[in-house]
Amino acid sequence: MTYPIDTVFKGVESGRRLSKRQIGYGAWKEGLPVERVGDGFLVDGERYEPVSE
């Protein structure tokens, strides 16, 4: 599933919120490991799921 660039994702453990743009930037510039997992992302070992507001 594709999401608009301004979609917000929330970390399951930390509750931290990141936009899709921030996740992409972190992977590109900062070298963070990012994977697609189901309907969200795995960012540096933490699962991020889309926030439905």
Protein backbone atom coordinates (compact mmCIF):
# COMPACT_ATOMS: atom_id res chain seq x y z
CA MET A 1 0.00 0.00 0.00
CA THR A 2 1.29 3.44 -0.83
CA TYR A 3 0.75 6.45 1.40
CA PRO A 4 0.97 10.19 0.68
CA ILE A 5 4.28 11.77 1.74
CA ASP A 6 2.62 13.58 4.67
CA THR A 7 1.12 10.41 6.24
CA VAL A 8 2.00 10.11 9.95
CA PHE A 9 3.23 6.86 11.47
CA LYS A 10 3.40 6.09 15.19
CA GLY A 11 5.98 3.88 16.89
CA VAL A 12 4.42 0.89 18.63
CA GLU A 13 6.82 0.89 21.60
CA SER A 14 7.88 4.53 21.89
CA GLY A 15 4.76 6.32 20.67
CA ARG A 16 7.03 8.62 18.64
CA ARG A 17 5.42 10.05 15.52
CA LEU A 18 7.20 10.28 12.19
CA SER A 19 5.92 11.34 8.79
CA LYS A 20 6.65 9.25 5.72
CA ARG A 21 8.93 12.10 4.62
CA GLN A 22 10.96 11.85 7.86
CA ILE A 23 11.25 8.07 7.52
CA GLY A 24 12.49 8.40 3.93
CA TYR A 25 14.94 11.16 4.84
CA GLY A 26 16.31 9.13 7.75
CA ALA A 27 16.89 6.14 5.49
CA TRP A 28 18.46 8.23 2.74
CA LYS A 29 20.61 10.77 4.60
CA GLU A 30 21.19 9.22 8.02
CA GLY A 31 21.47 5.59 6.93
CA LEU A 32 18.71 4.30 9.22
CA PRO A 33 17.64 0.76 8.38
CA VAL A 34 14.03 0.93 7.10
CA GLU A 35 11.87 -1.97 5.87
CA ARG A 36 8.26 -2.25 4.73
CA VAL A 37 6.34 -4.47 7.17
CA GLY A 38 2.67 -5.13 6.52
CA ASP A 39 0.94 -1.75 6.41
CA GLY A 40 3.76 0.12 8.16
CA PHE A 41 7.52 0.34 8.46
CA LEU A 42 10.27 -1.13 10.61
CA VAL A 43 12.57 1.81 11.40
CA ASP A 44 15.81 1.03 13.22
CA GLY A 45 14.19 -2.02 14.84
CA GLU A 46 10.90 -0.37 15.90
CA ARG A 47 7.60 -0.95 14.15
CA TYR A 48 5.74 2.14 12.94
CA GLU A 49 2.08 1.92 11.92
CA PRO A 50 -0.05 4.53 10.16
CA VAL A 51 -2.09 6.79 12.43
CA SER A 52 -5.73 7.03 11.42
CA GLU A 53 -7.10 10.35 12.66
